PDB file of N, CA and C in Angstrom:
ATOM      1  N   UNK A   1      -6.296 -35.553 -15.778  1.00  0.00           N
ATOM      2  CA  UNK A   1      -5.429 -34.659 -16.505  1.00  0.00           C
ATOM      3  C   UNK A   1      -6.196 -33.924 -17.591  1.00  0.00           C
ATOM      4  N   UNK A   2      -7.085 -34.659 -18.280  1.00  0.00           N
ATOM      5  CA  UNK A   2      -7.870 -34.042 -19.337  1.00  0.00           C
ATOM      6  C   UNK A   2      -8.741 -32.926 -18.762  1.00  0.00           C
ATOM      7  N   UNK A   3      -9.298 -33.134 -17.541  1.00  0.00           N
ATOM      8  CA  UNK A   3     -10.128 -32.121 -16.900  1.00  0.00           C
ATOM      9  C   UNK A   3      -9.349 -30.851 -16.613  1.00  0.00           C
ATOM     10  N   UNK A   4      -8.101 -30.994 -16.248  1.00  0.00           N
ATOM     11  CA  UNK A   4      -7.284 -29.814 -15.966  1.00  0.00           C
ATOM     12  C   UNK A   4      -7.007 -29.022 -17.232  1.00  0.00           C
ATOM     13  N   UNK A   5      -6.798 -29.729 -18.328  1.00  0.00           N
ATOM     14  CA  UNK A   5      -6.529 -29.048 -19.590  1.00  0.00           C
ATOM     15  C   UNK A   5      -7.769 -28.285 -20.040  1.00  0.00           C
ATOM     16  N   UNK A   6      -8.933 -28.909 -19.908  1.00  0.00           N
ATOM     17  CA  UNK A   6     -10.159 -28.251 -20.320  1.00  0.00           C
ATOM     18  C   UNK A   6     -10.468 -27.047 -19.436  1.00  0.00           C
ATOM     19  N   UNK A   7     -10.309 -27.203 -18.143  1.00  0.00           N
ATOM     20  CA  UNK A   7     -10.586 -26.095 -17.239  1.00  0.00           C
ATOM     21  C   UNK A   7      -9.569 -24.975 -17.385  1.00  0.00           C
ATOM     22  N   UNK A   8      -8.350 -25.337 -17.715  1.00  0.00           N
ATOM     23  CA  UNK A   8      -7.312 -24.324 -17.874  1.00  0.00           C
ATOM     24  C   UNK A   8      -7.623 -23.372 -19.000  1.00  0.00           C
ATOM     25  N   UNK A   9      -8.386 -23.800 -19.986  1.00  0.00           N
ATOM     26  CA  UNK A   9      -8.724 -22.942 -21.107  1.00  0.00           C
ATOM     27  C   UNK A   9      -9.927 -22.062 -20.837  1.00  0.00           C
ATOM     28  N   UNK A  10     -10.660 -22.337 -19.776  1.00  0.00           N
ATOM     29  CA  UNK A  10     -11.834 -21.530 -19.451  1.00  0.00           C
ATOM     30  C   UNK A  10     -11.403 -20.191 -18.876  1.00  0.00           C
ATOM     31  N   UNK A  11     -12.088 -19.177 -19.272  1.00  0.00           N
ATOM     32  CA  UNK A  11     -11.790 -17.852 -18.744  1.00  0.00           C
ATOM     33  C   UNK A  11     -13.034 -17.329 -18.039  1.00  0.00           C
ATOM     34  N   UNK A  12     -13.075 -17.500 -16.734  1.00  0.00           N
ATOM     35  CA  UNK A  12     -14.196 -17.041 -15.941  1.00  0.00           C
ATOM     36  C   UNK A  12     -13.852 -15.693 -15.315  1.00  0.00           C
ATOM     37  N   UNK A  13     -14.839 -14.821 -15.208  1.00  0.00           N
ATOM     38  CA  UNK A  13     -14.540 -13.535 -14.564  1.00  0.00           C
ATOM     39  C   UNK A  13     -14.173 -13.745 -13.103  1.00  0.00           C
ATOM     40  N   UNK A  14     -13.213 -12.977 -12.642  1.00  0.00           N
ATOM     41  CA  UNK A  14     -12.787 -13.076 -11.243  1.00  0.00           C
ATOM     42  C   UNK A  14     -13.678 -12.193 -10.403  1.00  0.00           C
ATOM     43  N   UNK A  15     -14.242 -12.763  -9.379  1.00  0.00           N
ATOM     44  CA  UNK A  15     -15.128 -12.046  -8.470  1.00  0.00           C
ATOM     45  C   UNK A  15     -14.457 -11.984  -7.095  1.00  0.00           C
ATOM     46  N   UNK A  16     -14.545 -10.862  -6.430  1.00  0.00           N
ATOM     47  CA  UNK A  16     -13.974 -10.815  -5.081  1.00  0.00           C
ATOM     48  C   UNK A  16     -14.744 -11.737  -4.152  1.00  0.00           C
ATOM     49  N   UNK A  17     -14.015 -12.388  -3.273  1.00  0.00           N
ATOM     50  CA  UNK A  17     -14.658 -13.296  -2.332  1.00  0.00           C
ATOM     51  C   UNK A  17     -15.426 -12.504  -1.279  1.00  0.00           C
ATOM     52  N   UNK A  18     -14.812 -11.476  -0.738  1.00  0.00           N
ATOM     53  CA  UNK A  18     -15.469 -10.657   0.277  1.00  0.00           C
ATOM     54  C   UNK A  18     -15.228  -9.180  -0.041  1.00  0.00           C
ATOM     55  N   UNK A  19     -16.267  -8.400  -0.127  1.00  0.00           N
ATOM     56  CA  UNK A  19     -16.066  -6.956  -0.346  1.00  0.00           C
ATOM     57  C   UNK A  19     -15.727  -6.260   0.975  1.00  0.00           C
ATOM     58  N   UNK A  20     -14.491  -6.403   1.433  1.00  0.00           N
ATOM     59  CA  UNK A  20     -14.073  -5.917   2.753  1.00  0.00           C
ATOM     60  C   UNK A  20     -14.374  -4.443   2.959  1.00  0.00           C
ATOM     61  N   UNK A  21     -14.114  -3.652   1.939  1.00  0.00           N
ATOM     62  CA  UNK A  21     -14.297  -2.215   2.124  1.00  0.00           C
ATOM     63  C   UNK A  21     -15.744  -1.887   2.443  1.00  0.00           C
ATOM     64  N   UNK A  22     -16.669  -2.498   1.742  1.00  0.00           N
ATOM     65  CA  UNK A  22     -18.074  -2.229   1.995  1.00  0.00           C
ATOM     66  C   UNK A  22     -18.495  -2.767   3.352  1.00  0.00           C
ATOM     67  N   UNK A  23     -17.964  -3.912   3.735  1.00  0.00           N
ATOM     68  CA  UNK A  23     -18.304  -4.471   5.037  1.00  0.00           C
ATOM     69  C   UNK A  23     -17.830  -3.559   6.154  1.00  0.00           C
ATOM     70  N   UNK A  24     -16.630  -3.017   6.036  1.00  0.00           N
ATOM     71  CA  UNK A  24     -16.127  -2.119   7.078  1.00  0.00           C
ATOM     72  C   UNK A  24     -17.009  -0.882   7.197  1.00  0.00           C
ATOM     73  N   UNK A  25     -17.456  -0.358   6.062  1.00  0.00           N
ATOM     74  CA  UNK A  25     -18.313   0.829   6.108  1.00  0.00           C
ATOM     75  C   UNK A  25     -19.652   0.484   6.766  1.00  0.00           C
ATOM     76  N   UNK A  26     -20.245  -0.623   6.352  1.00  0.00           N
ATOM     77  CA  UNK A  26     -21.532  -1.024   6.924  1.00  0.00           C
ATOM     78  C   UNK A  26     -21.402  -1.296   8.424  1.00  0.00           C
ATOM     79  N   UNK A  27     -20.345  -1.977   8.810  1.00  0.00           N
ATOM     80  CA  UNK A  27     -20.130  -2.259  10.231  1.00  0.00           C
ATOM     81  C   UNK A  27     -19.909  -0.974  11.014  1.00  0.00           C
ATOM     82  N   UNK A  28     -19.140  -0.061  10.452  1.00  0.00           N
ATOM     83  CA  UNK A  28     -18.869   1.211  11.124  1.00  0.00           C
ATOM     84  C   UNK A  28     -20.155   1.996  11.315  1.00  0.00           C
ATOM     85  N   UNK A  29     -20.977   2.058  10.273  1.00  0.00           N
ATOM     86  CA  UNK A  29     -22.230   2.806  10.366  1.00  0.00           C
ATOM     87  C   UNK A  29     -23.166   2.174  11.396  1.00  0.00           C
ATOM     88  N   UNK A  30     -23.215   0.844  11.415  1.00  0.00           N
ATOM     89  CA  UNK A  30     -24.068   0.152  12.395  1.00  0.00           C
ATOM     90  C   UNK A  30     -23.573   0.402  13.814  1.00  0.00           C
ATOM     91  N   UNK A  31     -22.257   0.338  14.024  1.00  0.00           N
ATOM     92  CA  UNK A  31     -21.690   0.583  15.355  1.00  0.00           C
ATOM     93  C   UNK A  31     -21.934   2.029  15.779  1.00  0.00           C
ATOM     94  N   UNK A  32     -21.788   2.959  14.852  1.00  0.00           N
ATOM     95  CA  UNK A  32     -22.020   4.366  15.171  1.00  0.00           C
ATOM     96  C   UNK A  32     -23.487   4.598  15.544  1.00  0.00           C
ATOM     97  N   UNK A  33     -24.391   3.986  14.809  1.00  0.00           N
ATOM     98  CA  UNK A  33     -25.823   4.116  15.109  1.00  0.00           C
ATOM     99  C   UNK A  33     -26.148   3.546  16.493  1.00  0.00           C
ATOM    100  N   UNK A  34     -25.397   2.518  16.895  1.00  0.00           N
ATOM    101  CA  UNK A  34     -25.600   1.898  18.210  1.00  0.00           C
ATOM    102  C   UNK A  34     -24.805   2.609  19.316  1.00  0.00           C
ATOM    103  N   UNK A  35     -24.126   3.690  18.973  1.00  0.00           N
ATOM    104  CA  UNK A  35     -23.281   4.458  19.895  1.00  0.00           C
ATOM    105  C   UNK A  35     -22.144   3.607  20.469  1.00  0.00           C
ATOM    106  N   UNK A  36     -21.717   2.618  19.696  1.00  0.00           N
ATOM    107  CA  UNK A  36     -20.550   1.799  20.075  1.00  0.00           C
ATOM    108  C   UNK A  36     -19.339   2.433  19.400  1.00  0.00           C
ATOM    109  N   UNK A  37     -18.799   3.468  20.034  1.00  0.00           N
ATOM    110  CA  UNK A  37     -17.749   4.267  19.424  1.00  0.00           C
ATOM    111  C   UNK A  37     -16.433   3.512  19.282  1.00  0.00           C
ATOM    112  N   UNK A  38     -16.171   2.572  20.168  1.00  0.00           N
ATOM    113  CA  UNK A  38     -14.928   1.790  20.073  1.00  0.00           C
ATOM    114  C   UNK A  38     -14.939   0.966  18.788  1.00  0.00           C
ATOM    115  N   UNK A  39     -16.038   0.268  18.535  1.00  0.00           N
ATOM    116  CA  UNK A  39     -16.117  -0.551  17.324  1.00  0.00           C
ATOM    117  C   UNK A  39     -16.232   0.322  16.077  1.00  0.00           C
ATOM    118  N   UNK A  40     -16.986   1.405  16.159  1.00  0.00           N
ATOM    119  CA  UNK A  40     -17.114   2.308  15.010  1.00  0.00           C
ATOM    120  C   UNK A  40     -15.739   2.867  14.641  1.00  0.00           C
ATOM    121  N   UNK A  41     -14.970   3.246  15.642  1.00  0.00           N
ATOM    122  CA  UNK A  41     -13.619   3.758  15.395  1.00  0.00           C
ATOM    123  C   UNK A  41     -12.780   2.702  14.689  1.00  0.00           C
ATOM    124  N   UNK A  42     -12.828   1.495  15.186  1.00  0.00           N
ATOM    125  CA  UNK A  42     -12.043   0.408  14.596  1.00  0.00           C
ATOM    126  C   UNK A  42     -12.408   0.195  13.133  1.00  0.00           C
ATOM    127  N   UNK A  43     -13.707   0.128  12.846  1.00  0.00           N
ATOM    128  CA  UNK A  43     -14.135  -0.143  11.476  1.00  0.00           C
ATOM    129  C   UNK A  43     -13.842   1.029  10.537  1.00  0.00           C
ATOM    130  N   UNK A  44     -14.006   2.264  11.025  1.00  0.00           N
ATOM    131  CA  UNK A  44     -13.667   3.415  10.170  1.00  0.00           C
ATOM    132  C   UNK A  44     -12.160   3.482   9.933  1.00  0.00           C
ATOM    133  N   UNK A  45     -11.362   3.166  10.936  1.00  0.00           N
ATOM    134  CA  UNK A  45      -9.906   3.145  10.732  1.00  0.00           C
ATOM    135  C   UNK A  45      -9.529   2.092   9.687  1.00  0.00           C
ATOM    136  N   UNK A  46     -10.162   0.924   9.756  1.00  0.00           N
ATOM    137  CA  UNK A  46      -9.902  -0.118   8.752  1.00  0.00           C
ATOM    138  C   UNK A  46     -10.361   0.333   7.373  1.00  0.00           C
ATOM    139  N   UNK A  47     -11.502   0.987   7.313  1.00  0.00           N
ATOM    140  CA  UNK A  47     -12.015   1.492   6.033  1.00  0.00           C
ATOM    141  C   UNK A  47     -11.025   2.475   5.426  1.00  0.00           C
ATOM    142  N   UNK A  48     -10.505   3.393   6.236  1.00  0.00           N
ATOM    143  CA  UNK A  48      -9.549   4.382   5.735  1.00  0.00           C
ATOM    144  C   UNK A  48      -8.255   3.706   5.305  1.00  0.00           C
ATOM    145  N   UNK A  49      -7.842   2.685   6.025  1.00  0.00           N
ATOM    146  CA  UNK A  49      -6.649   1.938   5.633  1.00  0.00           C
ATOM    147  C   UNK A  49      -6.854   1.307   4.255  1.00  0.00           C
ATOM    148  N   UNK A  50      -8.040   0.726   4.032  1.00  0.00           N
ATOM    149  CA  UNK A  50      -8.342   0.076   2.755  1.00  0.00           C
ATOM    150  C   UNK A  50      -8.633   1.079   1.640  1.00  0.00           C
ATOM    151  N   UNK A  51      -9.250   2.176   1.990  1.00  0.00           N
ATOM    152  CA  UNK A  51      -9.719   3.159   1.003  1.00  0.00           C
ATOM    153  C   UNK A  51      -9.459   4.572   1.518  1.00  0.00           C
ATOM    154  N   UNK A  52      -8.191   5.033   1.447  1.00  0.00           N
ATOM    155  CA  UNK A  52      -7.843   6.328   2.044  1.00  0.00           C
ATOM    156  C   UNK A  52      -8.552   7.527   1.421  1.00  0.00           C
ATOM    157  N   UNK A  53      -9.127   7.363   0.240  1.00  0.00           N
ATOM    158  CA  UNK A  53      -9.826   8.480  -0.396  1.00  0.00           C
ATOM    159  C   UNK A  53     -11.288   8.593   0.016  1.00  0.00           C
ATOM    160  N   UNK A  54     -11.733   7.756   0.933  1.00  0.00           N
ATOM    161  CA  UNK A  54     -13.116   7.826   1.418  1.00  0.00           C
ATOM    162  C   UNK A  54     -13.198   8.958   2.442  1.00  0.00           C
ATOM    163  N   UNK A  55     -13.545  10.138   1.964  1.00  0.00           N
ATOM    164  CA  UNK A  55     -13.548  11.317   2.829  1.00  0.00           C
ATOM    165  C   UNK A  55     -14.674  11.282   3.857  1.00  0.00           C
ATOM    166  N   UNK A  56     -15.782  10.636   3.538  1.00  0.00           N
ATOM    167  CA  UNK A  56     -16.843  10.521   4.537  1.00  0.00           C
ATOM    168  C   UNK A  56     -16.367   9.673   5.716  1.00  0.00           C
ATOM    169  N   UNK A  57     -15.579   8.646   5.455  1.00  0.00           N
ATOM    170  CA  UNK A  57     -15.028   7.831   6.544  1.00  0.00           C
ATOM    171  C   UNK A  57     -14.104   8.681   7.414  1.00  0.00           C
ATOM    172  N   UNK A  58     -13.302   9.553   6.804  1.00  0.00           N
ATOM    173  CA  UNK A  58     -12.445  10.465   7.575  1.00  0.00           C
ATOM    174  C   UNK A  58     -13.306  11.377   8.450  1.00  0.00           C
ATOM    175  N   UNK A  59     -14.395  11.890   7.879  1.00  0.00           N
ATOM    176  CA  UNK A  59     -15.250  12.808   8.617  1.00  0.00           C
ATOM    177  C   UNK A  59     -15.907  12.104   9.799  1.00  0.00           C
ATOM    178  N   UNK A  60     -16.438  10.924   9.552  1.00  0.00           N
ATOM    179  CA  UNK A  60     -17.099  10.178  10.636  1.00  0.00           C
ATOM    180  C   UNK A  60     -16.089   9.785  11.721  1.00  0.00           C
ATOM    181  N   UNK A  61     -14.879   9.404  11.303  1.00  0.00           N
ATOM    182  CA  UNK A  61     -13.852   9.056  12.282  1.00  0.00           C
ATOM    183  C   UNK A  61     -13.498  10.276  13.131  1.00  0.00           C
ATOM    184  N   UNK A  62     -13.435  11.447  12.521  1.00  0.00           N
ATOM    185  CA  UNK A  62     -13.167  12.673  13.278  1.00  0.00           C
ATOM    186  C   UNK A  62     -14.260  12.908  14.310  1.00  0.00           C
ATOM    187  N   UNK A  63     -15.509  12.698  13.920  1.00  0.00           N
ATOM    188  CA  UNK A  63     -16.619  12.867  14.869  1.00  0.00           C
ATOM    189  C   UNK A  63     -16.488  11.893  16.037  1.00  0.00           C
ATOM    190  N   UNK A  64     -16.097  10.676  15.742  1.00  0.00           N
ATOM    191  CA  UNK A  64     -15.925   9.667  16.795  1.00  0.00           C
ATOM    192  C   UNK A  64     -14.780  10.058  17.719  1.00  0.00           C
ATOM    193  N   UNK A  65     -13.657  10.492  17.125  1.00  0.00           N
ATOM    194  CA  UNK A  65     -12.528  10.912  17.954  1.00  0.00           C
ATOM    195  C   UNK A  65     -12.959  12.009  18.933  1.00  0.00           C
ATOM    196  N   UNK A  66     -13.791  12.913  18.486  1.00  0.00           N
ATOM    197  CA  UNK A  66     -14.261  13.956  19.399  1.00  0.00           C
ATOM    198  C   UNK A  66     -15.122  13.366  20.509  1.00  0.00           C
ATOM    199  N   UNK A  67     -15.966  12.430  20.175  1.00  0.00           N
ATOM    200  CA  UNK A  67     -16.849  11.817  21.173  1.00  0.00           C
ATOM    201  C   UNK A  67     -16.059  11.063  22.240  1.00  0.00           C
ATOM    202  N   UNK A  68     -14.901  10.507  21.857  1.00  0.00           N
ATOM    203  CA  UNK A  68     -14.105   9.739  22.829  1.00  0.00           C
ATOM    204  C   UNK A  68     -12.980  10.577  23.437  1.00  0.00           C
ATOM    205  N   UNK A  69     -13.027  11.905  23.223  1.00  0.00           N
ATOM    206  CA  UNK A  69     -12.070  12.789  23.875  1.00  0.00           C
ATOM    207  C   UNK A  69     -10.704  12.865  23.220  1.00  0.00           C
ATOM    208  N   UNK A  70     -10.660  12.742  21.904  1.00  0.00           N
ATOM    209  CA  UNK A  70      -9.389  12.832  21.180  1.00  0.00           C
ATOM    210  C   UNK A  70      -9.452  13.965  20.148  1.00  0.00           C
ATOM    211  N   UNK A  71      -9.539  15.222  20.604  1.00  0.00           N
ATOM    212  CA  UNK A  71      -9.723  16.327  19.664  1.00  0.00           C
ATOM    213  C   UNK A  71      -8.560  16.527  18.689  1.00  0.00           C
ATOM    214  N   UNK A  72      -7.329  16.236  19.108  1.00  0.00           N
ATOM    215  CA  UNK A  72      -6.198  16.402  18.186  1.00  0.00           C
ATOM    216  C   UNK A  72      -6.291  15.409  17.026  1.00  0.00           C
ATOM    217  N   UNK A  73      -6.692  14.184  17.327  1.00  0.00           N
ATOM    218  CA  UNK A  73      -6.871  13.190  16.261  1.00  0.00           C
ATOM    219  C   UNK A  73      -8.036  13.585  15.359  1.00  0.00           C
ATOM    220  N   UNK A  74      -9.082  14.138  15.962  1.00  0.00           N
ATOM    221  CA  UNK A  74     -10.222  14.611  15.170  1.00  0.00           C
ATOM    222  C   UNK A  74      -9.771  15.710  14.216  1.00  0.00           C
ATOM    223  N   UNK A  75      -8.988  16.645  14.736  1.00  0.00           N
ATOM    224  CA  UNK A  75      -8.509  17.739  13.890  1.00  0.00           C
ATOM    225  C   UNK A  75      -7.682  17.219  12.724  1.00  0.00           C
ATOM    226  N   UNK A  76      -6.862  16.205  12.969  1.00  0.00           N
ATOM    227  CA  UNK A  76      -6.065  15.616  11.872  1.00  0.00           C
ATOM    228  C   UNK A  76      -6.961  15.047  10.772  1.00  0.00           C
ATOM    229  N   UNK A  77      -8.038  14.376  11.177  1.00  0.00           N
ATOM    230  CA  UNK A  77      -8.953  13.805  10.183  1.00  0.00           C
ATOM    231  C   UNK A  77      -9.673  14.905   9.405  1.00  0.00           C
ATOM    232  N   UNK A  78     -10.118  15.938  10.119  1.00  0.00           N
ATOM    233  CA  UNK A  78     -10.767  17.062   9.435  1.00  0.00           C
ATOM    234  C   UNK A  78      -9.795  17.735   8.462  1.00  0.00           C
ATOM    235  N   UNK A  79      -8.529  17.811   8.866  1.00  0.00           N
ATOM    236  CA  UNK A  79      -7.528  18.450   8.011  1.00  0.00           C
ATOM    237  C   UNK A  79      -7.336  17.683   6.702  1.00  0.00           C
ATOM    238  N   UNK A  80      -7.377  16.357   6.763  1.00  0.00           N
ATOM    239  CA  UNK A  80      -7.259  15.548   5.540  1.00  0.00           C
ATOM    240  C   UNK A  80      -8.350  15.964   4.552  1.00  0.00           C
ATOM    241  N   UNK A  81      -9.555  16.122   5.047  1.00  0.00           N
ATOM    242  CA  UNK A  81     -10.686  16.493   4.193  1.00  0.00           C
ATOM    243  C   UNK A  81     -10.496  17.896   3.640  1.00  0.00           C
ATOM    244  N   UNK A  82     -10.089  18.820   4.502  1.00  0.00           N
ATOM    245  CA  UNK A  82      -9.910  20.208   4.073  1.00  0.00           C
ATOM    246  C   UNK A  82      -8.810  20.333   3.029  1.00  0.00           C
ATOM    247  N   UNK A  83      -7.687  19.671   3.283  1.00  0.00           N
ATOM    248  CA  UNK A  83      -6.551  19.757   2.358  1.00  0.00           C
ATOM    249  C   UNK A  83      -6.905  19.157   1.000  1.00  0.00           C
ATOM    250  N   UNK A  84      -7.703  18.094   1.003  1.00  0.00           N
ATOM    251  CA  UNK A  84      -8.126  17.474  -0.255  1.00  0.00           C
ATOM    252  C   UNK A  84      -9.086  18.374  -1.032  1.00  0.00           C
ATOM    253  N   UNK A  85      -9.640  19.368  -0.373  1.00  0.00           N
ATOM    254  CA  UNK A  85     -10.570  20.273  -1.045  1.00  0.00           C
ATOM    255  C   UNK A  85     -11.861  19.592  -1.460  1.00  0.00           C
ATOM    256  N   UNK A  86     -12.369  18.749  -0.604  1.00  0.00           N
ATOM    257  CA  UNK A  86     -13.562  17.968  -0.923  1.00  0.00           C
ATOM    258  C   UNK A  86     -14.772  18.892  -1.035  1.00  0.00           C
ATOM    259  N   UNK A  87     -15.446  18.812  -2.174  1.00  0.00           N
ATOM    260  CA  UNK A  87     -16.636  19.628  -2.401  1.00  0.00           C
ATOM    261  C   UNK A  87     -17.916  18.798  -2.340  1.00  0.00           C
ATOM    262  N   UNK A  88     -17.792  17.484  -2.131  1.00  0.00           N
ATOM    263  CA  UNK A  88     -18.984  16.647  -2.002  1.00  0.00           C
ATOM    264  C   UNK A  88     -19.783  17.124  -0.799  1.00  0.00           C
ATOM    265  N   UNK A  89     -21.113  17.132  -0.911  1.00  0.00           N
ATOM    266  CA  UNK A  89     -21.912  17.568   0.236  1.00  0.00           C
ATOM    267  C   UNK A  89     -21.855  16.556   1.372  1.00  0.00           C
ATOM    268  N   UNK A  90     -21.880  17.072   2.575  1.00  0.00           N
ATOM    269  CA  UNK A  90     -21.883  16.227   3.762  1.00  0.00           C
ATOM    270  C   UNK A  90     -23.272  15.623   3.926  1.00  0.00           C
ATOM    271  N   UNK A  91     -23.381  14.285   3.916  1.00  0.00           N
ATOM    272  CA  UNK A  91     -24.706  13.670   4.096  1.00  0.00           C
ATOM    273  C   UNK A  91     -25.251  13.937   5.497  1.00  0.00           C
ATOM    274  N   UNK A  92     -26.513  14.283   5.551  1.00  0.00           N
ATOM    275  CA  UNK A  92     -27.183  14.548   6.817  1.00  0.00           C
ATOM    276  C   UNK A  92     -28.253  13.490   7.052  1.00  0.00           C
ATOM    277  N   UNK A  93     -28.699  13.338   8.281  1.00  0.00           N
ATOM    278  CA  UNK A  93     -29.776  12.371   8.549  1.00  0.00           C
ATOM    279  C   UNK A  93     -31.001  12.659   7.683  1.00  0.00           C
ATOM    280  N   UNK A  94     -31.699  11.615   7.324  1.00  0.00           N
ATOM    281  CA  UNK A  94     -32.896  11.761   6.513  1.00  0.00           C
ATOM    282  C   UNK A  94     -32.613  11.889   5.027  1.00  0.00           C
ATOM    283  N   UNK A  95     -31.377  11.595   4.623  1.00  0.00           N
ATOM    284  CA  UNK A  95     -31.025  11.643   3.206  1.00  0.00           C
ATOM    285  C   UNK A  95     -30.804  13.042   2.659  1.00  0.00           C
ATOM    286  N   UNK A  96     -30.761  14.038   3.531  1.00  0.00           N
ATOM    287  CA  UNK A  96     -30.534  15.413   3.069  1.00  0.00           C
ATOM    288  C   UNK A  96     -29.036  15.648   2.891  1.00  0.00           C
ATOM    289  N   UNK A  97     -28.723  16.724   2.182  1.00  0.00           N
ATOM    290  CA  UNK A  97     -27.328  17.081   1.962  1.00  0.00           C
ATOM    291  C   UNK A  97     -27.017  18.384   2.678  1.00  0.00           C
ATOM    292  N   UNK A  98     -25.826  18.431   3.233  1.00  0.00           N
ATOM    293  CA  UNK A  98     -25.379  19.623   3.926  1.00  0.00           C
ATOM    294  C   UNK A  98     -24.379  20.403   3.091  1.00  0.00           C
ATOM    295  N   UNK A  99     -23.598  21.207   3.768  1.00  0.00           N
ATOM    296  CA  UNK A  99     -22.586  22.010   3.091  1.00  0.00           C
ATOM    297  C   UNK A  99     -21.466  21.114   2.567  1.00  0.00           C
ATOM    298  N   UNK A 100     -20.607  21.644   1.690  1.00  0.00           N
ATOM    299  CA  UNK A 100     -19.480  20.835   1.193  1.00  0.00           C
ATOM    300  C   UNK A 100     -18.615  20.349   2.354  1.00  0.00           C
ATOM    301  N   UNK A 101     -18.146  19.110   2.257  1.00  0.00           N
ATOM    302  CA  UNK A 101     -17.378  18.497   3.341  1.00  0.00           C
ATOM    303  C   UNK A 101     -16.136  19.298   3.699  1.00  0.00           C
ATOM    304  N   UNK A 102     -15.435  19.830   2.710  1.00  0.00           N
ATOM    305  CA  UNK A 102     -14.234  20.620   2.986  1.00  0.00           C
ATOM    306  C   UNK A 102     -14.543  21.842   3.824  1.00  0.00           C
ATOM    307  N   UNK A 103     -15.641  22.514   3.505  1.00  0.00           N
ATOM    308  CA  UNK A 103     -16.063  23.692   4.258  1.00  0.00           C
ATOM    309  C   UNK A 103     -16.473  23.302   5.676  1.00  0.00           C
ATOM    310  N   UNK A 104     -17.213  22.214   5.802  1.00  0.00           N
ATOM    311  CA  UNK A 104     -17.624  21.738   7.133  1.00  0.00           C
ATOM    312  C   UNK A 104     -16.397  21.357   7.955  1.00  0.00           C
ATOM    313  N   UNK A 105     -15.424  20.718   7.323  1.00  0.00           N
ATOM    314  CA  UNK A 105     -14.203  20.317   8.026  1.00  0.00           C
ATOM    315  C   UNK A 105     -13.441  21.540   8.530  1.00  0.00           C
ATOM    316  N   UNK A 106     -13.359  22.590   7.698  1.00  0.00           N
ATOM    317  CA  UNK A 106     -12.660  23.806   8.099  1.00  0.00           C
ATOM    318  C   UNK A 106     -13.320  24.423   9.328  1.00  0.00           C
ATOM    319  N   UNK A 107     -14.640  24.429   9.365  1.00  0.00           N
ATOM    320  CA  UNK A 107     -15.358  24.957  10.530  1.00  0.00           C
ATOM    321  C   UNK A 107     -15.051  24.128  11.775  1.00  0.00           C
ATOM    322  N   UNK A 108     -14.979  22.820  11.616  1.00  0.00           N
ATOM    323  CA  UNK A 108     -14.690  21.947  12.757  1.00  0.00           C
ATOM    324  C   UNK A 108     -13.265  22.167  13.264  1.00  0.00           C
ATOM    325  N   UNK A 109     -12.321  22.343  12.352  1.00  0.00           N
ATOM    326  CA  UNK A 109     -10.924  22.612  12.739  1.00  0.00           C
ATOM    327  C   UNK A 109     -10.867  23.887  13.585  1.00  0.00           C
ATOM    328  N   UNK A 110     -11.519  24.946  13.122  1.00  0.00           N
ATOM    329  CA  UNK A 110     -11.513  26.216  13.858  1.00  0.00           C
ATOM    330  C   UNK A 110     -12.211  26.088  15.207  1.00  0.00           C
ATOM    331  N   UNK A 111     -13.288  25.314  15.263  1.00  0.00           N
ATOM    332  CA  UNK A 111     -13.996  25.107  16.525  1.00  0.00           C
ATOM    333  C   UNK A 111     -13.102  24.379  17.531  1.00  0.00           C
ATOM    334  N   UNK A 112     -12.416  23.331  17.062  1.00  0.00           N
ATOM    335  CA  UNK A 112     -11.519  22.573  17.949  1.00  0.00           C
ATOM    336  C   UNK A 112     -10.385  23.459  18.453  1.00  0.00           C
ATOM    337  N   UNK A 113      -9.790  24.249  17.550  1.00  0.00           N
ATOM    338  CA  UNK A 113      -8.695  25.128  17.947  1.00  0.00           C
ATOM    339  C   UNK A 113      -9.137  26.181  18.963  1.00  0.00           C
ATOM    340  N   UNK A 114     -10.395  26.581  18.877  1.00  0.00           N
ATOM    341  CA  UNK A 114     -10.921  27.567  19.828  1.00  0.00           C
ATOM    342  C   UNK A 114     -11.322  26.932  21.151  1.00  0.00           C
ATOM    343  N   UNK A 115     -11.246  25.607  21.224  1.00  0.00           N
ATOM    344  CA  UNK A 115     -11.582  24.909  22.456  1.00  0.00           C
ATOM    345  C   UNK A 115     -13.074  24.767  22.693  1.00  0.00           C
ATOM    346  N   UNK A 116     -13.865  24.946  21.649  1.00  0.00           N
ATOM    347  CA  UNK A 116     -15.319  24.826  21.776  1.00  0.00           C
ATOM    348  C   UNK A 116     -15.695  23.352  21.595  1.00  0.00           C
ATOM    349  N   UNK A 117     -16.439  22.777  22.528  1.00  0.00           N
ATOM    350  CA  UNK A 117     -16.816  21.373  22.373  1.00  0.00           C
ATOM    351  C   UNK A 117     -17.779  21.165  21.205  1.00  0.00           C
ATOM    352  N   UNK A 118     -17.788  19.942  20.713  1.00  0.00           N
ATOM    353  CA  UNK A 118     -18.698  19.601  19.614  1.00  0.00           C
ATOM    354  C   UNK A 118     -20.136  19.720  20.089  1.00  0.00           C
ATOM    355  N   UNK A 119     -21.016  20.203  19.219  1.00  0.00           N
ATOM    356  CA  UNK A 119     -22.424  20.287  19.618  1.00  0.00           C
ATOM    357  C   UNK A 119     -23.006  18.889  19.807  1.00  0.00           C
ATOM    358  N   UNK A 120     -23.898  18.763  20.748  1.00  0.00           N
ATOM    359  CA  UNK A 120     -24.545  17.458  20.972  1.00  0.00           C
ATOM    360  C   UNK A 120     -25.870  17.456  20.220  1.00  0.00           C
ATOM    361  N   UNK A 121     -26.201  16.307  19.647  1.00  0.00           N
ATOM    362  CA  UNK A 121     -27.445  16.252  18.859  1.00  0.00           C
ATOM    363  C   UNK A 121     -28.688  16.361  19.707  1.00  0.00           C
TER     364      UNK A 121
END
């Protein structure tokens, strides 16, 4: 009983047991790099569920939807980014930065509506 009283007065900082959001992002990126689009889709969807303001996750999910033949779902994801007016630069391979995400999303929306397939790397 004395131990409970002493411990009850201690104020320790609360630490998260598992950083789920970061794990979902890391898993999604690893699956995408391995071209495992089913798992990448799952992890990006979970990431967006946990952190809906992660616009890069929306963008990557849109790219995956296009790869698996779901252009309408891709357009919806691009629209989220465009409507939010995201000005953060789109990360490119090699650590470079591209155009603002909102602008890139708008171009993708117009490309999908025109029926033009996504460019292949």
